[in-house]
């Protein structure tokens, strides 16, 4: 299933954990990192472990954002890898070697818990250090069978760079961050995995979120991170093919099926070739995936 929406839920909040399943999000990211104060990390780990153990059928996919591996992340893994866990979000990586390291740890812990080998997926935040953007091009060269996709973030990167802001005076992301976003998108596509758009900070601006998400979907992103439950519906809509797109895709596929030996076909006064057919099939695959 292609996941459209990933909703962050603070791991130390029983109230918010309890509401997450009803948010409509395709996946929850139970957060042990930035949303949790240092003094509450151990509590959050215990609450998240209990939440996973009590998981009910039909719930959203459950990911956990651990702390960086050398800053408590290994303790997080030891405490939360158990049946009910679908994926790990790993922050502040420098490159694919960190994903390989995480995968080795998951191999051991899945065996400890009697889980299916390789079942826990990995979603790295692949741009949060100054070194990370230089490693994006290496992802396609590594065997990373657990890799669900790549996502990016501007806030931690601007902190790493010592920047006072990551935006221009007109509110548009500065060149460095736009460049990093594009490189991450290319790295995901070259690796054959999903590209997940970063959060939209103003959770009260639904119209802006919708426009921004629709633009990201047109570029090739398949989903987005949400920081508030009210953002989920707009994100799900933006990353789902519209009825008009689905209907057009079906007509494109049907036109090629009617002329199986043709490399080009005519439809509505336009000539379509094989790339149009591939795109139509992707639209239908996404639509079927979201209907699961």
C-alpha atoms as a PDB file:
ATOM      1  CA  UNK A   1       0.000   0.000   0.000  1.00  0.00           C
ATOM      2  CA  UNK A   2       1.253   3.466  -0.894  1.00  0.00           C
ATOM      3  CA  UNK A   3       0.847   5.640   2.173  1.00  0.00           C
ATOM      4  CA  UNK A   4      -0.508   9.127   1.573  1.00  0.00           C
ATOM      5  CA  UNK A   5      -0.446  10.575   5.090  1.00  0.00           C
ATOM      6  CA  UNK A   6       1.919  10.069   8.016  1.00  0.00           C
ATOM      7  CA  UNK A   7       0.624  11.737  11.191  1.00  0.00           C
ATOM      8  CA  UNK A   8       3.116  12.558  13.932  1.00  0.00           C
ATOM      9  CA  UNK A   9       1.889  11.626  17.418  1.00  0.00           C
ATOM     10  CA  UNK A  10       3.981  12.502  20.501  1.00  0.00           C
ATOM     11  CA  UNK A  11       4.960   9.241  22.140  1.00  0.00           C
ATOM     12  CA  UNK A  12       4.610  10.604  25.667  1.00  0.00           C
ATOM     13  CA  UNK A  13       0.963  11.688  25.298  1.00  0.00           C
ATOM     14  CA  UNK A  14      -1.550   8.973  26.159  1.00  0.00           C
ATOM     15  CA  UNK A  15      -4.373  11.286  25.062  1.00  0.00           C
ATOM     16  CA  UNK A  16      -2.938  11.917  21.591  1.00  0.00           C
ATOM     17  CA  UNK A  17      -1.943   8.287  21.165  1.00  0.00           C
ATOM     18  CA  UNK A  18      -5.518   7.336  21.936  1.00  0.00           C
ATOM     19  CA  UNK A  19      -6.882   9.650  19.262  1.00  0.00           C
ATOM     20  CA  UNK A  20      -4.414   8.764  16.523  1.00  0.00           C
ATOM     21  CA  UNK A  21      -6.244   5.737  15.180  1.00  0.00           C
ATOM     22  CA  UNK A  22      -9.335   7.824  14.438  1.00  0.00           C
ATOM     23  CA  UNK A  23      -7.480  10.505  12.504  1.00  0.00           C
ATOM     24  CA  UNK A  24      -7.948   8.915   9.083  1.00  0.00           C
ATOM     25  CA  UNK A  25      -4.184   8.873   8.481  1.00  0.00           C
ATOM     26  CA  UNK A  26      -2.735   5.999   6.494  1.00  0.00           C
ATOM     27  CA  UNK A  27       0.118   5.792   9.017  1.00  0.00           C
ATOM     28  CA  UNK A  28       0.952   7.149  12.439  1.00  0.00           C
ATOM     29  CA  UNK A  29       4.491   8.113  13.384  1.00  0.00           C
ATOM     30  CA  UNK A  30       4.766   7.570  17.128  1.00  0.00           C
ATOM     31  CA  UNK A  31       7.447  10.078  18.020  1.00  0.00           C
ATOM     32  CA  UNK A  32      10.248   9.427  20.497  1.00  0.00           C
ATOM     33  CA  UNK A  33      12.487  12.222  19.225  1.00  0.00           C
ATOM     34  CA  UNK A  34      11.804  15.944  18.794  1.00  0.00           C
ATOM     35  CA  UNK A  35       8.276  15.953  20.234  1.00  0.00           C
ATOM     36  CA  UNK A  36       9.459  14.458  23.534  1.00  0.00           C
ATOM     37  CA  UNK A  37      11.420  16.273  26.242  1.00  0.00           C
ATOM     38  CA  UNK A  38      14.655  14.529  27.337  1.00  0.00           C
ATOM     39  CA  UNK A  39      13.223  13.850  30.787  1.00  0.00           C
ATOM     40  CA  UNK A  40      10.271  11.968  29.250  1.00  0.00           C
ATOM     41  CA  UNK A  41      12.089   9.788  26.697  1.00  0.00           C
ATOM     42  CA  UNK A  42      11.931   6.616  28.805  1.00  0.00           C
ATOM     43  CA  UNK A  43       8.230   7.188  29.554  1.00  0.00           C
ATOM     44  CA  UNK A  44       7.515   7.722  25.849  1.00  0.00           C
ATOM     45  CA  UNK A  45       9.321   4.504  24.961  1.00  0.00           C
ATOM     46  CA  UNK A  46       7.218   2.542  27.432  1.00  0.00           C
ATOM     47  CA  UNK A  47       3.956   4.114  26.246  1.00  0.00           C
ATOM     48  CA  UNK A  48       4.768   3.438  22.606  1.00  0.00           C
ATOM     49  CA  UNK A  49       5.698  -0.179  23.358  1.00  0.00           C
ATOM     50  CA  UNK A  50       2.364  -0.637  25.143  1.00  0.00           C
ATOM     51  CA  UNK A  51       0.509   1.018  22.268  1.00  0.00           C
ATOM     52  CA  UNK A  52       2.095  -1.373  19.770  1.00  0.00           C
ATOM     53  CA  UNK A  53       1.285  -4.368  21.963  1.00  0.00           C
ATOM     54  CA  UNK A  54      -2.379  -3.312  22.138  1.00  0.00           C
ATOM     55  CA  UNK A  55      -2.716  -2.627  18.420  1.00  0.00           C
ATOM     56  CA  UNK A  56      -6.150  -3.476  17.042  1.00  0.00           C
ATOM     57  CA  UNK A  57      -6.962  -4.918  13.605  1.00  0.00           C
ATOM     58  CA  UNK A  58      -7.681  -2.295  10.985  1.00  0.00           C
ATOM     59  CA  UNK A  59      -5.526   0.373  12.609  1.00  0.00           C
ATOM     60  CA  UNK A  60      -3.284   2.651  10.533  1.00  0.00           C
ATOM     61  CA  UNK A  61       0.242   1.538   9.764  1.00  0.00           C
ATOM     62  CA  UNK A  62       2.411   2.195  12.813  1.00  0.00           C
ATOM     63  CA  UNK A  63       5.858   3.731  12.437  1.00  0.00           C
ATOM     64  CA  UNK A  64       8.063   4.942  15.277  1.00  0.00           C
ATOM     65  CA  UNK A  65      10.491   7.844  14.965  1.00  0.00           C
ATOM     66  CA  UNK A  66      13.418   6.841  17.100  1.00  0.00           C
ATOM     67  CA  UNK A  67      16.209   9.097  18.276  1.00  0.00           C
ATOM     68  CA  UNK A  68      19.472   9.118  16.290  1.00  0.00           C
ATOM     69  CA  UNK A  69      21.183   5.760  16.731  1.00  0.00           C
ATOM     70  CA  UNK A  70      24.030   7.125  18.847  1.00  0.00           C
ATOM     71  CA  UNK A  71      21.751   9.396  20.877  1.00  0.00           C
ATOM     72  CA  UNK A  72      19.335   6.891  22.371  1.00  0.00           C
ATOM     73  CA  UNK A  73      18.075   5.293  19.184  1.00  0.00           C
ATOM     74  CA  UNK A  74      19.515   1.872  20.004  1.00  0.00           C
ATOM     75  CA  UNK A  75      17.688   1.907  23.353  1.00  0.00           C
ATOM     76  CA  UNK A  76      14.524   2.919  21.503  1.00  0.00           C
ATOM     77  CA  UNK A  77      14.851  -0.028  19.137  1.00  0.00           C
ATOM     78  CA  UNK A  78      15.424  -2.502  21.951  1.00  0.00           C
ATOM     79  CA  UNK A  79      12.255  -1.271  23.637  1.00  0.00           C
ATOM     80  CA  UNK A  80       9.828  -0.940  20.754  1.00  0.00           C
ATOM     81  CA  UNK A  81      10.596  -3.571  18.118  1.00  0.00           C
ATOM     82  CA  UNK A  82       7.764  -6.046  18.602  1.00  0.00           C
ATOM     83  CA  UNK A  83       4.719  -7.383  16.732  1.00  0.00           C
ATOM     84  CA  UNK A  84       2.515  -4.463  15.703  1.00  0.00           C
ATOM     85  CA  UNK A  85       5.408  -2.340  14.436  1.00  0.00           C
ATOM     86  CA  UNK A  86       5.339  -1.586  10.697  1.00  0.00           C
ATOM     87  CA  UNK A  87       8.240   0.791  10.315  1.00  0.00           C
ATOM     88  CA  UNK A  88      10.974   2.948  11.754  1.00  0.00           C
ATOM     89  CA  UNK A  89      11.608   6.577  10.899  1.00  0.00           C
ATOM     90  CA  UNK A  90      15.274   7.317  11.515  1.00  0.00           C
ATOM     91  CA  UNK A  91      16.251  10.998  11.813  1.00  0.00           C
ATOM     92  CA  UNK A  92      19.477  12.901  11.178  1.00  0.00           C
ATOM     93  CA  UNK A  93      21.212  10.282   9.069  1.00  0.00           C
ATOM     94  CA  UNK A  94      24.347  11.122   7.095  1.00  0.00           C
ATOM     95  CA  UNK A  95      23.687   8.625   4.325  1.00  0.00           C
ATOM     96  CA  UNK A  96      22.657   5.090   3.387  1.00  0.00           C
ATOM     97  CA  UNK A  97      25.261   3.526   5.701  1.00  0.00           C
ATOM     98  CA  UNK A  98      23.070   4.568   8.646  1.00  0.00           C
ATOM     99  CA  UNK A  99      20.115   2.766   7.061  1.00  0.00           C
ATOM    100  CA  UNK A 100      22.248  -0.354   6.594  1.00  0.00           C
ATOM    101  CA  UNK A 101      23.241  -0.185  10.266  1.00  0.00           C
ATOM    102  CA  UNK A 102      19.623   0.164  11.333  1.00  0.00           C
ATOM    103  CA  UNK A 103      18.665  -2.776   9.139  1.00  0.00           C
ATOM    104  CA  UNK A 104      21.219  -5.004  10.851  1.00  0.00           C
ATOM    105  CA  UNK A 105      19.746  -4.092  14.230  1.00  0.00           C
ATOM    106  CA  UNK A 106      16.249  -4.849  13.023  1.00  0.00           C
ATOM    107  CA  UNK A 107      17.393  -8.239  11.732  1.00  0.00           C
ATOM    108  CA  UNK A 108      18.433  -9.225  15.252  1.00  0.00           C
ATOM    109  CA  UNK A 109      15.440  -7.747  17.040  1.00  0.00           C
ATOM    110  CA  UNK A 110      12.869  -9.262  14.683  1.00  0.00           C
ATOM    111  CA  UNK A 111      14.388 -12.667  15.334  1.00  0.00           C
ATOM    112  CA  UNK A 112      14.276 -12.018  19.087  1.00  0.00           C
ATOM    113  CA  UNK A 113      10.575 -11.206  18.873  1.00  0.00           C
ATOM    114  CA  UNK A 114       9.619 -14.014  16.505  1.00  0.00           C
ATOM    115  CA  UNK A 115       8.618 -11.546  13.789  1.00  0.00           C
ATOM    116  CA  UNK A 116       8.730 -12.114  10.049  1.00  0.00           C
ATOM    117  CA  UNK A 117      12.250 -11.285   8.819  1.00  0.00           C
ATOM    118  CA  UNK A 118      12.410  -7.975   6.976  1.00  0.00           C
ATOM    119  CA  UNK A 119       8.871  -6.949   7.858  1.00  0.00           C
ATOM    120  CA  UNK A 120       9.759  -3.654   9.534  1.00  0.00           C
ATOM    121  CA  UNK A 121      10.280  -0.954   6.900  1.00  0.00           C
ATOM    122  CA  UNK A 122      12.534   2.082   7.152  1.00  0.00           C
ATOM    123  CA  UNK A 123      11.719   5.716   6.298  1.00  0.00           C
ATOM    124  CA  UNK A 124      14.795   7.923   6.784  1.00  0.00           C
ATOM    125  CA  UNK A 125      14.678  11.682   7.140  1.00  0.00           C
ATOM    126  CA  UNK A 126      17.510  11.955   4.659  1.00  0.00           C
ATOM    127  CA  UNK A 127      18.474  15.654   4.701  1.00  0.00           C
ATOM    128  CA  UNK A 128      18.805  16.848   8.289  1.00  0.00           C
ATOM    129  CA  UNK A 129      22.600  17.140   8.536  1.00  0.00           C
ATOM    130  CA  UNK A 130      25.018  19.225   6.486  1.00  0.00           C
ATOM    131  CA  UNK A 131      26.640  16.032   5.196  1.00  0.00           C
ATOM    132  CA  UNK A 132      23.429  14.218   4.284  1.00  0.00           C
ATOM    133  CA  UNK A 133      22.665  15.890   0.921  1.00  0.00           C
ATOM    134  CA  UNK A 134      26.002  14.698  -0.446  1.00  0.00           C
ATOM    135  CA  UNK A 135      25.000  11.092   0.267  1.00  0.00           C
ATOM    136  CA  UNK A 136      21.608  11.151  -1.436  1.00  0.00           C
ATOM    137  CA  UNK A 137      23.020   9.974  -4.750  1.00  0.00           C
ATOM    138  CA  UNK A 138      24.447   6.859  -3.066  1.00  0.00           C
ATOM    139  CA  UNK A 139      21.063   5.409  -2.086  1.00  0.00           C
ATOM    140  CA  UNK A 140      20.470   3.665  -5.447  1.00  0.00           C
ATOM    141  CA  UNK A 141      23.855   1.930  -5.114  1.00  0.00           C
ATOM    142  CA  UNK A 142      22.984   0.204  -1.829  1.00  0.00           C
ATOM    143  CA  UNK A 143      20.851  -2.881  -1.305  1.00  0.00           C
ATOM    144  CA  UNK A 144      18.235  -1.597   1.130  1.00  0.00           C
ATOM    145  CA  UNK A 145      15.327  -4.056   0.998  1.00  0.00           C
ATOM    146  CA  UNK A 146      13.638  -2.507   4.041  1.00  0.00           C
ATOM    147  CA  UNK A 147      13.577   0.991   2.550  1.00  0.00           C
ATOM    148  CA  UNK A 148       9.981   2.236   2.181  1.00  0.00           C
ATOM    149  CA  UNK A 149      10.965   5.644   0.926  1.00  0.00           C
ATOM    150  CA  UNK A 150      12.814   8.849   1.683  1.00  0.00           C
ATOM    151  CA  UNK A 151      11.605  12.055   3.252  1.00  0.00           C
ATOM    152  CA  UNK A 152      13.274  15.335   4.038  1.00  0.00           C
ATOM    153  CA  UNK A 153      13.137  18.206   6.506  1.00  0.00           C
ATOM    154  CA  UNK A 154      14.124  21.850   6.448  1.00  0.00           C
ATOM    155  CA  UNK A 155      14.008  22.717  10.143  1.00  0.00           C
ATOM    156  CA  UNK A 156      16.796  20.486  11.463  1.00  0.00           C
ATOM    157  CA  UNK A 157      18.923  21.231   8.414  1.00  0.00           C
ATOM    158  CA  UNK A 158      18.689  24.976   9.001  1.00  0.00           C
ATOM    159  CA  UNK A 159      19.703  24.355  12.619  1.00  0.00           C
ATOM    160  CA  UNK A 160      22.671  22.272  11.453  1.00  0.00           C
ATOM    161  CA  UNK A 161      23.714  25.103   9.128  1.00  0.00           C
ATOM    162  CA  UNK A 162      23.339  27.785  11.799  1.00  0.00           C
ATOM    163  CA  UNK A 163      20.793  29.584   9.616  1.00  0.00           C
ATOM    164  CA  UNK A 164      18.403  32.073  11.188  1.00  0.00           C
ATOM    165  CA  UNK A 165      15.685  30.984   8.757  1.00  0.00           C
ATOM    166  CA  UNK A 166      15.189  28.594   5.869  1.00  0.00           C
ATOM    167  CA  UNK A 167      12.990  30.966   3.891  1.00  0.00           C
ATOM    168  CA  UNK A 168      13.452  34.042   1.730  1.00  0.00           C
ATOM    169  CA  UNK A 169      11.767  37.337   2.680  1.00  0.00           C
ATOM    170  CA  UNK A 170       8.850  36.412   0.378  1.00  0.00           C
ATOM    171  CA  UNK A 171       8.233  33.225   2.399  1.00  0.00           C
ATOM    172  CA  UNK A 172       9.517  30.828  -0.266  1.00  0.00           C
ATOM    173  CA  UNK A 173      12.056  28.208   0.803  1.00  0.00           C
ATOM    174  CA  UNK A 174      15.613  29.399   0.225  1.00  0.00           C
ATOM    175  CA  UNK A 175      17.649  27.854  -2.593  1.00  0.00           C
ATOM    176  CA  UNK A 176      19.575  25.445  -0.365  1.00  0.00           C
ATOM    177  CA  UNK A 177      16.387  23.809   0.901  1.00  0.00           C
ATOM    178  CA  UNK A 178      14.700  23.685  -2.497  1.00  0.00           C
ATOM    179  CA  UNK A 179      17.825  22.033  -3.884  1.00  0.00           C
ATOM    180  CA  UNK A 180      17.896  19.458  -1.089  1.00  0.00           C
ATOM    181  CA  UNK A 181      14.220  18.661  -1.616  1.00  0.00           C
ATOM    182  CA  UNK A 182      14.784  18.063  -5.334  1.00  0.00           C
ATOM    183  CA  UNK A 183      17.819  15.865  -4.707  1.00  0.00           C
ATOM    184  CA  UNK A 184      15.832  13.778  -2.236  1.00  0.00           C
ATOM    185  CA  UNK A 185      13.020  13.320  -4.753  1.00  0.00           C
ATOM    186  CA  UNK A 186      15.513  12.196  -7.389  1.00  0.00           C
ATOM    187  CA  UNK A 187      17.248   9.829  -4.951  1.00  0.00           C
ATOM    188  CA  UNK A 188      13.949   8.202  -4.017  1.00  0.00           C
ATOM    189  CA  UNK A 189      12.923   7.697  -7.624  1.00  0.00           C
ATOM    190  CA  UNK A 190      16.355   6.383  -8.609  1.00  0.00           C
ATOM    191  CA  UNK A 191      16.110   3.921  -5.724  1.00  0.00           C
ATOM    192  CA  UNK A 192      12.640   2.756  -6.728  1.00  0.00           C
ATOM    193  CA  UNK A 193      11.041   3.834  -3.427  1.00  0.00           C
ATOM    194  CA  UNK A 194       8.453   6.386  -2.342  1.00  0.00           C
ATOM    195  CA  UNK A 195       9.151  10.107  -1.979  1.00  0.00           C
ATOM    196  CA  UNK A 196       7.385  11.555   1.068  1.00  0.00           C
ATOM    197  CA  UNK A 197       6.924  15.320   1.287  1.00  0.00           C
ATOM    198  CA  UNK A 198       7.837  17.096   4.497  1.00  0.00           C
ATOM    199  CA  UNK A 199       5.378  18.738   6.869  1.00  0.00           C
ATOM    200  CA  UNK A 200       3.388  21.923   6.251  1.00  0.00           C
ATOM    201  CA  UNK A 201       3.919  23.948   9.396  1.00  0.00           C
ATOM    202  CA  UNK A 202       0.771  26.107   9.472  1.00  0.00           C
ATOM    203  CA  UNK A 203      -1.868  23.511  10.366  1.00  0.00           C
ATOM    204  CA  UNK A 204      -4.603  26.178  10.271  1.00  0.00           C
ATOM    205  CA  UNK A 205      -3.958  26.976   6.594  1.00  0.00           C
ATOM    206  CA  UNK A 206      -5.901  24.182   4.916  1.00  0.00           C
ATOM    207  CA  UNK A 207      -6.071  25.916   1.545  1.00  0.00           C
ATOM    208  CA  UNK A 208      -2.307  26.442   1.506  1.00  0.00           C
ATOM    209  CA  UNK A 209      -1.697  22.861   2.567  1.00  0.00           C
ATOM    210  CA  UNK A 210      -3.945  21.569  -0.206  1.00  0.00           C
ATOM    211  CA  UNK A 211      -2.255  23.691  -2.897  1.00  0.00           C
ATOM    212  CA  UNK A 212       1.219  22.749  -1.704  1.00  0.00           C
ATOM    213  CA  UNK A 213       0.356  19.055  -1.481  1.00  0.00           C
ATOM    214  CA  UNK A 214      -1.242  18.979  -4.922  1.00  0.00           C
ATOM    215  CA  UNK A 215       1.924  20.574  -6.331  1.00  0.00           C
ATOM    216  CA  UNK A 216       4.058  17.945  -4.586  1.00  0.00           C
ATOM    217  CA  UNK A 217       1.874  15.154  -6.001  1.00  0.00           C
ATOM    218  CA  UNK A 218       2.318  16.552  -9.504  1.00  0.00           C
ATOM    219  CA  UNK A 219       6.093  16.475  -9.003  1.00  0.00           C
ATOM    220  CA  UNK A 220       6.091  12.809  -8.021  1.00  0.00           C
ATOM    221  CA  UNK A 221       5.745  12.737  -4.239  1.00  0.00           C
ATOM    222  CA  UNK A 222       3.359  10.005  -3.087  1.00  0.00           C
ATOM    223  CA  UNK A 223       2.517  11.206   0.418  1.00  0.00           C
ATOM    224  CA  UNK A 224       3.159  13.767   3.114  1.00  0.00           C
ATOM    225  CA  UNK A 225       3.841  14.143   6.814  1.00  0.00           C
ATOM    226  CA  UNK A 226       1.098  15.734   8.938  1.00  0.00           C
ATOM    227  CA  UNK A 227       1.644  17.436  12.263  1.00  0.00           C
ATOM    228  CA  UNK A 228      -2.026  17.809  13.213  1.00  0.00           C
ATOM    229  CA  UNK A 229      -5.074  15.574  12.643  1.00  0.00           C
ATOM    230  CA  UNK A 230      -6.877  18.380  10.824  1.00  0.00           C
ATOM    231  CA  UNK A 231      -4.310  18.140   8.021  1.00  0.00           C
ATOM    232  CA  UNK A 232      -4.959  14.496   7.206  1.00  0.00           C
ATOM    233  CA  UNK A 233      -8.040  14.827   4.998  1.00  0.00           C
ATOM    234  CA  UNK A 234      -6.453  17.452   2.744  1.00  0.00           C
ATOM    235  CA  UNK A 235      -3.281  15.382   2.394  1.00  0.00           C
ATOM    236  CA  UNK A 236      -5.184  12.192   1.585  1.00  0.00           C
ATOM    237  CA  UNK A 237      -7.199  14.014  -1.056  1.00  0.00           C
ATOM    238  CA  UNK A 238      -4.159  15.642  -2.654  1.00  0.00           C
ATOM    239  CA  UNK A 239      -2.243  12.382  -2.981  1.00  0.00           C
ATOM    240  CA  UNK A 240      -5.180  10.351  -4.283  1.00  0.00           C
ATOM    241  CA  UNK A 241      -5.934  10.348  -8.008  1.00  0.00           C
ATOM    242  CA  UNK A 242      -9.093  12.310  -8.737  1.00  0.00           C
ATOM    243  CA  UNK A 243     -12.064  10.528 -10.366  1.00  0.00           C
ATOM    244  CA  UNK A 244     -11.265  12.430 -13.561  1.00  0.00           C
ATOM    245  CA  UNK A 245      -7.642  11.238 -13.519  1.00  0.00           C
ATOM    246  CA  UNK A 246      -8.725   7.645 -12.936  1.00  0.00           C
ATOM    247  CA  UNK A 247     -11.287   7.789 -15.740  1.00  0.00           C
ATOM    248  CA  UNK A 248      -8.724   9.244 -18.161  1.00  0.00           C
ATOM    249  CA  UNK A 249      -6.124   6.645 -17.178  1.00  0.00           C
ATOM    250  CA  UNK A 250      -8.604   3.851 -17.866  1.00  0.00           C
ATOM    251  CA  UNK A 251      -9.313   5.265 -21.297  1.00  0.00           C
ATOM    252  CA  UNK A 252      -5.580   5.480 -22.065  1.00  0.00           C
ATOM    253  CA  UNK A 253      -5.037   1.853 -21.026  1.00  0.00           C
ATOM    254  CA  UNK A 254      -8.075   0.766 -23.024  1.00  0.00           C
ATOM    255  CA  UNK A 255      -6.863   2.626 -26.120  1.00  0.00           C
ATOM    256  CA  UNK A 256      -3.533   0.799 -26.058  1.00  0.00           C
ATOM    257  CA  UNK A 257      -5.232  -2.514 -25.302  1.00  0.00           C
ATOM    258  CA  UNK A 258      -7.340  -2.054 -28.433  1.00  0.00           C
ATOM    259  CA  UNK A 259      -4.152  -1.715 -30.522  1.00  0.00           C
ATOM    260  CA  UNK A 260      -1.656  -4.059 -28.833  1.00  0.00           C
ATOM    261  CA  UNK A 261       0.933  -3.774 -31.616  1.00  0.00           C
ATOM    262  CA  UNK A 262       0.895   0.041 -31.675  1.00  0.00           C
ATOM    263  CA  UNK A 263       3.508   2.242 -30.053  1.00  0.00           C
ATOM    264  CA  UNK A 264       1.290   5.304 -30.329  1.00  0.00           C
ATOM    265  CA  UNK A 265      -2.476   5.761 -30.259  1.00  0.00           C
ATOM    266  CA  UNK A 266      -4.835   8.664 -30.739  1.00  0.00           C
ATOM    267  CA  UNK A 267      -7.164   9.836 -27.964  1.00  0.00           C
ATOM    268  CA  UNK A 268      -9.211  13.037 -27.864  1.00  0.00           C
ATOM    269  CA  UNK A 269      -7.235  14.467 -30.753  1.00  0.00           C
ATOM    270  CA  UNK A 270      -3.855  13.842 -29.136  1.00  0.00           C
ATOM    271  CA  UNK A 271      -1.176  11.294 -29.912  1.00  0.00           C
ATOM    272  CA  UNK A 272      -0.121   9.207 -26.903  1.00  0.00           C
ATOM    273  CA  UNK A 273       2.959   6.996 -26.684  1.00  0.00           C
ATOM    274  CA  UNK A 274       4.329   4.423 -24.228  1.00  0.00           C
ATOM    275  CA  UNK A 275       5.288   6.938 -21.484  1.00  0.00           C
ATOM    276  CA  UNK A 276       1.619   8.000 -21.380  1.00  0.00           C
ATOM    277  CA  UNK A 277       0.618   4.356 -20.954  1.00  0.00           C
ATOM    278  CA  UNK A 278       3.095   3.880 -18.104  1.00  0.00           C
ATOM    279  CA  UNK A 279       1.819   6.993 -16.369  1.00  0.00           C
ATOM    280  CA  UNK A 280      -1.799   5.829 -16.760  1.00  0.00           C
ATOM    281  CA  UNK A 281      -0.939   2.481 -15.223  1.00  0.00           C
ATOM    282  CA  UNK A 282       0.730   4.231 -12.273  1.00  0.00           C
ATOM    283  CA  UNK A 283      -2.422   6.289 -11.695  1.00  0.00           C
ATOM    284  CA  UNK A 284      -4.534   3.128 -11.622  1.00  0.00           C
ATOM    285  CA  UNK A 285      -2.065   1.357  -9.317  1.00  0.00           C
ATOM    286  CA  UNK A 286      -2.171   4.281  -6.893  1.00  0.00           C
ATOM    287  CA  UNK A 287      -5.951   4.316  -6.995  1.00  0.00           C
ATOM    288  CA  UNK A 288      -6.152   0.599  -6.270  1.00  0.00           C
ATOM    289  CA  UNK A 289      -3.577   0.892  -3.490  1.00  0.00           C
ATOM    290  CA  UNK A 290      -5.546   3.615  -1.731  1.00  0.00           C
ATOM    291  CA  UNK A 291      -8.705   1.560  -1.973  1.00  0.00           C
ATOM    292  CA  UNK A 292      -7.159  -1.281   0.065  1.00  0.00           C
END
